[in-house]
N, C-alpha and C. Protein backbone atom coordinates (compact mmCIF):
# COMPACT_ATOMS: atom_id res chain seq x y z
N MET A 1 22.00 140.53 70.98
CA MET A 1 23.40 140.89 70.64
C MET A 1 24.03 140.53 71.53
N THR A 2 24.94 140.15 71.42
CA THR A 2 26.77 139.82 72.06
C THR A 2 27.29 140.88 71.83
N ILE A 3 28.67 140.88 72.46
CA ILE A 3 29.55 141.83 72.55
C ILE A 3 31.26 140.80 72.46
N SER A 4 31.66 140.55 71.50
CA SER A 4 33.09 139.56 71.44
C SER A 4 34.28 140.62 71.27
N SER A 5 34.50 140.90 70.84
CA SER A 5 36.33 141.41 70.72
C SER A 5 36.82 141.43 69.79
N GLN A 6 37.65 142.44 69.30
CA GLN A 6 38.73 142.79 68.06
C GLN A 6 39.35 141.53 68.20
N SER A 7 39.85 141.06 69.51
CA SER A 7 41.02 140.47 69.62
C SER A 7 40.92 139.07 68.88
N GLY A 8 39.42 138.34 69.33
CA GLY A 8 39.29 137.38 68.69
C GLY A 8 39.33 137.64 66.80
N HIS A 9 39.64 138.57 66.61
CA HIS A 9 40.16 138.72 64.89
C HIS A 9 41.25 138.49 64.18
N ARG A 10 42.06 139.22 65.76
CA ARG A 10 43.76 139.18 65.62
C ARG A 10 44.19 137.62 65.82
N MET A 11 43.84 136.60 65.27
CA MET A 11 44.40 135.60 66.13
C MET A 11 44.47 134.98 64.34
N PRO A 12 45.91 134.08 64.20
CA PRO A 12 45.68 133.55 62.73
C PRO A 12 44.34 132.62 62.86
N GLN A 13 43.66 132.82 61.54
CA GLN A 13 42.22 131.80 60.98
C GLN A 13 42.40 130.85 61.55
N LEU A 14 41.36 129.90 61.81
CA LEU A 14 41.64 128.68 61.94
C LEU A 14 40.42 127.73 61.10
N THR A 15 40.52 126.37 61.16
CA THR A 15 40.61 125.11 59.50
C THR A 15 38.99 125.82 59.58
N PRO A 16 38.37 125.47 58.64
CA PRO A 16 36.54 125.17 58.77
C PRO A 16 36.59 124.36 59.31
N GLU A 17 36.86 123.27 59.94
CA GLU A 17 36.37 122.41 60.41
C GLU A 17 36.28 122.92 62.06
N GLU A 18 37.58 123.58 62.37
CA GLU A 18 37.43 123.84 63.81
C GLU A 18 36.32 124.95 64.13
N ASP A 19 36.38 125.74 63.11
CA ASP A 19 35.39 127.02 63.35
C ASP A 19 33.53 126.47 63.69
N GLU A 20 33.79 125.25 63.07
CA GLU A 20 32.20 124.88 62.68
C GLU A 20 32.20 124.12 64.50
N GLN A 21 33.60 123.38 64.32
CA GLN A 21 33.72 122.80 66.06
C GLN A 21 33.11 123.81 67.20
N LEU A 22 33.38 124.71 67.04
CA LEU A 22 33.51 125.62 67.93
C LEU A 22 31.67 126.14 67.59
N ALA A 23 31.72 126.36 66.70
CA ALA A 23 30.26 127.30 66.76
C ALA A 23 28.82 125.93 67.04
N ILE A 24 29.18 124.27 66.74
CA ILE A 24 28.39 123.78 66.82
C ILE A 24 28.09 122.69 67.83
N SER A 25 29.01 122.36 68.57
CA SER A 25 29.90 121.78 69.88
C SER A 25 28.95 121.74 71.02
N PRO A 26 28.41 121.01 72.00
CA PRO A 26 28.07 120.71 72.91
C PRO A 26 28.27 121.72 73.86
N THR A 27 28.34 122.77 74.51
CA THR A 27 28.85 123.26 75.34
C THR A 27 29.85 122.68 76.56
N GLU A 28 28.37 121.82 77.19
CA GLU A 28 29.86 120.92 77.51
C GLU A 28 30.88 119.88 77.45
N ALA A 29 30.83 120.24 75.89
CA ALA A 29 31.99 119.28 74.97
C ALA A 29 33.11 119.93 74.72
N LEU A 30 32.67 121.36 75.09
CA LEU A 30 33.85 122.67 74.21
C LEU A 30 35.42 122.55 74.72
N LEU A 31 35.37 122.18 75.93
CA LEU A 31 36.78 122.06 76.73
C LEU A 31 37.69 120.89 76.08
N ASP A 32 36.85 119.83 75.46
CA ASP A 32 37.51 118.75 74.81
C ASP A 32 37.78 118.82 73.82
N LEU A 33 37.53 119.94 73.14
CA LEU A 33 38.02 119.92 71.15
C LEU A 33 40.16 120.02 71.67
N PRO A 34 40.61 119.81 70.65
CA PRO A 34 41.45 119.79 70.71
C PRO A 34 42.22 120.98 70.55
N LEU A 35 42.05 121.46 69.67
CA LEU A 35 42.15 122.81 69.82
C LEU A 35 42.21 124.28 71.07
N LEU A 36 41.20 123.44 71.62
CA LEU A 36 41.33 123.80 73.45
C LEU A 36 42.37 123.38 74.60
N GLN A 37 42.61 122.67 73.92
CA GLN A 37 43.20 121.67 75.09
C GLN A 37 44.85 122.94 75.62
N PRO A 38 45.19 122.44 76.83
CA PRO A 38 45.95 123.35 77.21
C PRO A 38 47.83 123.65 76.42
N GLU A 39 47.59 122.55 75.99
CA GLU A 39 49.15 122.51 75.04
C GLU A 39 48.86 122.68 73.89
N LYS A 40 47.88 123.58 73.89
CA LYS A 40 47.74 124.47 72.38
C LYS A 40 47.50 125.51 72.66
N ILE A 41 47.19 125.93 73.80
CA ILE A 41 46.87 127.53 74.19
C ILE A 41 49.09 128.41 74.46
N ALA A 42 49.22 129.30 73.98
CA ALA A 42 50.47 129.46 73.95
C ALA A 42 50.32 130.17 74.87
N ASP A 43 49.30 131.18 75.61
CA ASP A 43 50.04 132.04 76.85
C ASP A 43 48.03 132.61 77.14
N THR A 44 48.19 133.47 77.78
CA THR A 44 46.74 134.25 78.00
C THR A 44 45.93 135.22 77.50
N LEU A 45 46.90 135.95 76.71
CA LEU A 45 46.54 136.97 75.36
C LEU A 45 46.25 136.05 73.99
N HIS A 46 46.31 134.05 74.08
CA HIS A 46 46.18 133.67 72.86
C HIS A 46 44.51 132.94 73.66
N ALA A 47 45.11 132.85 74.85
CA ALA A 47 43.51 131.95 75.87
C ALA A 47 42.27 132.69 75.54
N TYR A 48 42.38 134.20 75.65
CA TYR A 48 41.74 135.50 75.35
C TYR A 48 41.20 135.28 74.11
N GLN A 49 41.77 135.74 73.12
CA GLN A 49 41.64 135.74 71.54
C GLN A 49 41.07 134.40 71.20
N LEU A 50 41.26 133.16 71.76
CA LEU A 50 40.19 131.92 71.26
C LEU A 50 38.89 132.29 71.91
N ALA A 51 38.74 132.57 73.31
CA ALA A 51 37.40 132.94 74.25
C ALA A 51 36.17 133.83 72.96
N LYS A 52 36.96 134.60 72.64
CA LYS A 52 36.59 135.41 71.52
C LYS A 52 36.23 135.00 70.74
N ARG A 53 36.95 133.95 69.91
CA ARG A 53 36.38 133.68 68.39
C ARG A 53 35.35 132.69 69.01
N CYS A 54 35.78 132.08 70.53
CA CYS A 54 34.32 131.09 70.52
C CYS A 54 33.38 131.63 70.32
N ASN A 55 32.98 133.00 71.07
CA ASN A 55 32.01 133.79 71.30
C ASN A 55 31.06 134.25 70.10
N GLU A 56 32.36 134.68 68.81
CA GLU A 56 31.70 134.97 67.82
C GLU A 56 31.21 133.95 66.75
N LYS A 57 31.93 132.70 67.39
CA LYS A 57 31.37 131.35 66.06
C LYS A 57 30.07 130.47 66.31
N ARG A 58 30.11 130.63 67.76
CA ARG A 58 28.96 130.26 68.73
C ARG A 58 27.48 130.77 68.98
N VAL A 59 27.71 132.33 68.24
CA VAL A 59 26.50 133.50 67.98
C VAL A 59 26.71 132.49 66.06
N MET A 60 27.14 132.58 65.79
CA MET A 60 27.15 132.27 64.40
C MET A 60 26.14 131.18 63.89
N GLY A 61 26.56 129.76 65.00
CA GLY A 61 25.89 128.69 65.18
C GLY A 61 24.39 129.20 65.30
N GLU A 62 24.41 129.77 66.85
CA GLU A 62 22.86 130.33 67.31
C GLU A 62 22.29 130.79 66.45
N ALA A 63 22.65 131.77 65.47
CA ALA A 63 21.78 132.78 64.45
C ALA A 63 20.60 131.71 63.69
N VAL A 64 21.74 130.26 63.19
CA VAL A 64 21.02 129.53 61.99
C VAL A 64 19.45 128.67 63.22
N LYS A 65 19.76 128.65 64.17
CA LYS A 65 18.73 127.77 64.74
C LYS A 65 17.79 128.78 64.50
N TRP A 66 18.44 130.49 65.04
CA TRP A 66 17.51 131.77 65.44
C TRP A 66 16.42 132.00 64.57
N GLY A 67 17.40 131.69 63.75
CA GLY A 67 16.90 132.52 62.32
C GLY A 67 16.13 131.74 61.82
N ARG A 68 15.59 130.54 61.71
CA ARG A 68 14.64 129.53 61.53
C ARG A 68 13.04 130.26 62.34
N ARG A 69 13.35 130.45 63.63
CA ARG A 69 12.14 130.98 64.07
C ARG A 69 11.95 132.59 64.11
N GLY A 70 12.84 132.78 63.04
CA GLY A 70 12.01 134.57 62.71
C GLY A 70 13.23 135.44 63.69
N ALA A 71 13.72 135.06 64.29
CA ALA A 71 14.65 135.92 65.03
C ALA A 71 16.07 136.24 64.15
N ARG A 72 16.55 137.67 64.89
CA ARG A 72 18.37 137.65 64.51
C ARG A 72 19.20 137.97 65.34
N ILE A 73 20.59 136.98 65.56
CA ILE A 73 21.12 137.47 66.97
C ILE A 73 22.68 137.61 65.91
N ASN A 74 23.08 138.21 66.92
CA ASN A 74 24.40 138.86 66.54
C ASN A 74 25.56 139.00 67.00
N SER A 75 26.75 139.67 66.86
CA SER A 75 28.03 139.51 67.66
C SER A 75 28.92 140.68 67.28
N ILE A 76 29.29 141.28 68.20
CA ILE A 76 29.39 143.03 67.68
C ILE A 76 31.13 142.90 68.17
N SER A 77 32.36 143.41 67.82
CA SER A 77 33.49 143.63 68.47
C SER A 77 33.83 145.22 68.08
N PRO A 78 33.27 145.59 69.18
CA PRO A 78 33.92 147.26 69.13
C PRO A 78 35.52 147.17 68.86
N GLY A 79 35.36 148.37 68.83
CA GLY A 79 37.02 148.60 68.53
C GLY A 79 37.75 148.93 70.17
N ILE A 80 39.03 149.41 70.11
CA ILE A 80 39.99 149.22 71.33
C ILE A 80 39.51 149.94 72.50
N ILE A 81 39.17 149.84 73.33
CA ILE A 81 39.20 150.00 74.43
C ILE A 81 39.78 149.91 75.65
N VAL A 82 40.28 151.03 76.42
CA VAL A 82 41.16 151.20 77.23
C VAL A 82 41.05 150.42 78.61
N THR A 83 41.31 149.56 78.81
CA THR A 83 41.02 148.77 80.18
C THR A 83 42.19 148.14 80.30
N PRO A 84 42.30 147.28 81.38
CA PRO A 84 43.52 146.71 82.01
C PRO A 84 44.16 145.85 81.21
N LEU A 85 43.26 144.82 80.62
CA LEU A 85 43.96 143.68 79.82
C LEU A 85 44.29 144.36 78.57
N ALA A 86 43.84 145.78 77.60
CA ALA A 86 44.11 146.51 76.65
C ALA A 86 45.39 146.54 77.05
N LEU A 87 45.72 147.34 78.07
CA LEU A 87 47.33 147.88 78.33
C LEU A 87 48.01 147.45 78.39
N ASP A 88 47.87 145.93 79.33
CA ASP A 88 48.36 144.60 78.67
C ASP A 88 49.02 143.97 77.45
N GLU A 89 48.21 144.15 76.79
CA GLU A 89 48.23 143.68 75.14
C GLU A 89 49.26 144.45 74.29
N PHE A 90 49.01 146.07 74.75
CA PHE A 90 49.52 147.55 73.99
C PHE A 90 50.80 147.06 74.83
N ASN A 91 51.01 147.20 75.75
CA ASN A 91 52.34 147.21 76.68
C ASN A 91 53.73 145.98 76.67
N GLY A 92 52.54 144.95 76.63
CA GLY A 92 53.27 143.57 77.12
C GLY A 92 53.88 142.65 75.88
N PRO A 93 54.13 141.66 75.75
CA PRO A 93 54.65 140.97 74.76
C PRO A 93 52.89 139.96 74.00
N PRO A 94 53.29 139.78 72.67
CA PRO A 94 54.18 140.05 71.70
C PRO A 94 53.81 142.26 71.34
N ARG A 95 54.74 142.89 72.03
CA ARG A 95 55.18 144.01 72.08
C ARG A 95 54.04 144.75 70.57
N GLY A 96 55.13 144.41 69.77
CA GLY A 96 54.68 145.10 68.39
C GLY A 96 53.86 145.43 67.53
N PHE A 97 52.85 144.02 67.74
CA PHE A 97 51.23 143.50 67.04
C PHE A 97 50.58 144.89 67.46
N LEU A 98 49.99 145.39 68.64
CA LEU A 98 48.91 146.02 69.05
C LEU A 98 49.47 147.49 68.56
N GLN A 99 50.93 147.48 69.07
CA GLN A 99 51.58 149.27 68.38
C GLN A 99 51.65 149.24 66.77
N GLU A 100 52.24 148.53 66.21
CA GLU A 100 52.09 148.52 64.83
C GLU A 100 50.46 149.13 64.34
N HIS A 101 49.60 148.34 64.55
CA HIS A 101 48.63 148.55 63.77
C HIS A 101 47.44 149.56 64.69
N VAL A 102 47.98 150.39 65.88
CA VAL A 102 47.20 151.47 66.29
C VAL A 102 47.58 152.73 66.19
N SER A 103 48.90 152.69 66.35
CA SER A 103 49.92 154.16 66.54
C SER A 103 50.03 154.20 64.81
N PRO A 104 50.15 154.27 63.64
CA PRO A 104 49.75 154.30 62.21
C PRO A 104 48.81 155.08 61.84
N SER A 105 47.39 154.41 62.33
CA SER A 105 46.39 154.19 62.56
C SER A 105 45.87 155.46 62.22
N ALA A 106 45.01 156.34 61.09
CA ALA A 106 43.79 158.09 61.16
C ALA A 106 44.01 157.55 62.64
N LEU A 107 42.96 156.50 63.37
CA LEU A 107 42.49 156.20 64.45
C LEU A 107 42.74 156.30 65.50
N ARG A 108 44.33 156.94 65.39
CA ARG A 108 45.20 156.68 66.76
C ARG A 108 44.55 157.28 68.19
N ALA A 109 43.90 158.32 67.76
CA ALA A 109 43.00 158.83 68.79
C ALA A 109 41.73 158.33 69.38
N ALA A 110 41.76 157.50 69.05
CA ALA A 110 40.38 156.39 68.51
C ALA A 110 39.55 155.82 70.28
N PRO A 111 40.62 155.19 70.73
CA PRO A 111 40.08 154.22 72.12
C PRO A 111 39.94 154.79 72.79
N GLY A 112 38.77 154.14 73.52
CA GLY A 112 38.42 155.53 74.47
C GLY A 112 38.42 154.44 75.83
N PRO A 113 37.72 155.44 76.91
CA PRO A 113 38.14 154.32 77.72
C PRO A 113 36.78 153.78 78.43
N PRO A 114 36.66 153.02 79.34
CA PRO A 114 35.79 151.84 79.09
C PRO A 114 34.19 152.80 79.24
N MET A 115 33.52 151.67 78.41
CA MET A 115 32.55 152.47 78.54
C MET A 115 31.59 152.06 79.06
N ARG A 116 30.39 153.45 79.34
CA ARG A 116 29.24 153.67 80.49
C ARG A 116 28.07 153.28 79.70
N TRP A 117 27.70 152.47 80.45
CA TRP A 117 25.98 152.17 79.56
C TRP A 117 25.20 153.42 79.85
N PRO A 118 24.05 153.77 78.87
CA PRO A 118 23.14 154.79 79.27
C PRO A 118 21.79 154.24 80.14
N THR A 119 21.77 155.14 81.11
CA THR A 119 20.86 155.40 81.60
C THR A 119 19.69 155.84 81.36
N TRP A 120 18.22 156.27 81.89
CA TRP A 120 17.42 156.62 81.95
C TRP A 120 17.88 158.25 82.00
N ARG A 121 18.64 158.31 82.97
CA ARG A 121 18.78 159.69 83.26
C ARG A 121 19.96 160.19 82.66
N ASN A 122 21.51 160.05 81.64
CA ASN A 122 21.94 160.20 81.11
C ASN A 122 21.72 159.94 79.87
N CYS A 123 20.77 159.63 79.10
CA CYS A 123 20.12 159.65 77.76
C CYS A 123 19.89 160.88 77.15
């Protein structure tokens, strides 16, 4: 299992061709893809969202290969975790998007602190 981010789902949809390129391009060729060229990346938030979308698509591509071996892999996108990056996204430009989607929701109290992974001592 890999952990991606909801941020990868909050950017505009990519074309089917771009999704496929992210999913199956050899790792060493990813930075040569047209959609990952510096002039196509608007800002650091967009770069982060692309990276998380890429995580999701890479797992999708690998899931096909591993499925043939009888194994499953999956990528999850947890809810909002209050990290410095989340705070920057909430308070910075484009300010309205995250606030617009979190504040009016019934889950507005749901964002939590960074997760502490359980250990045998606290399970």
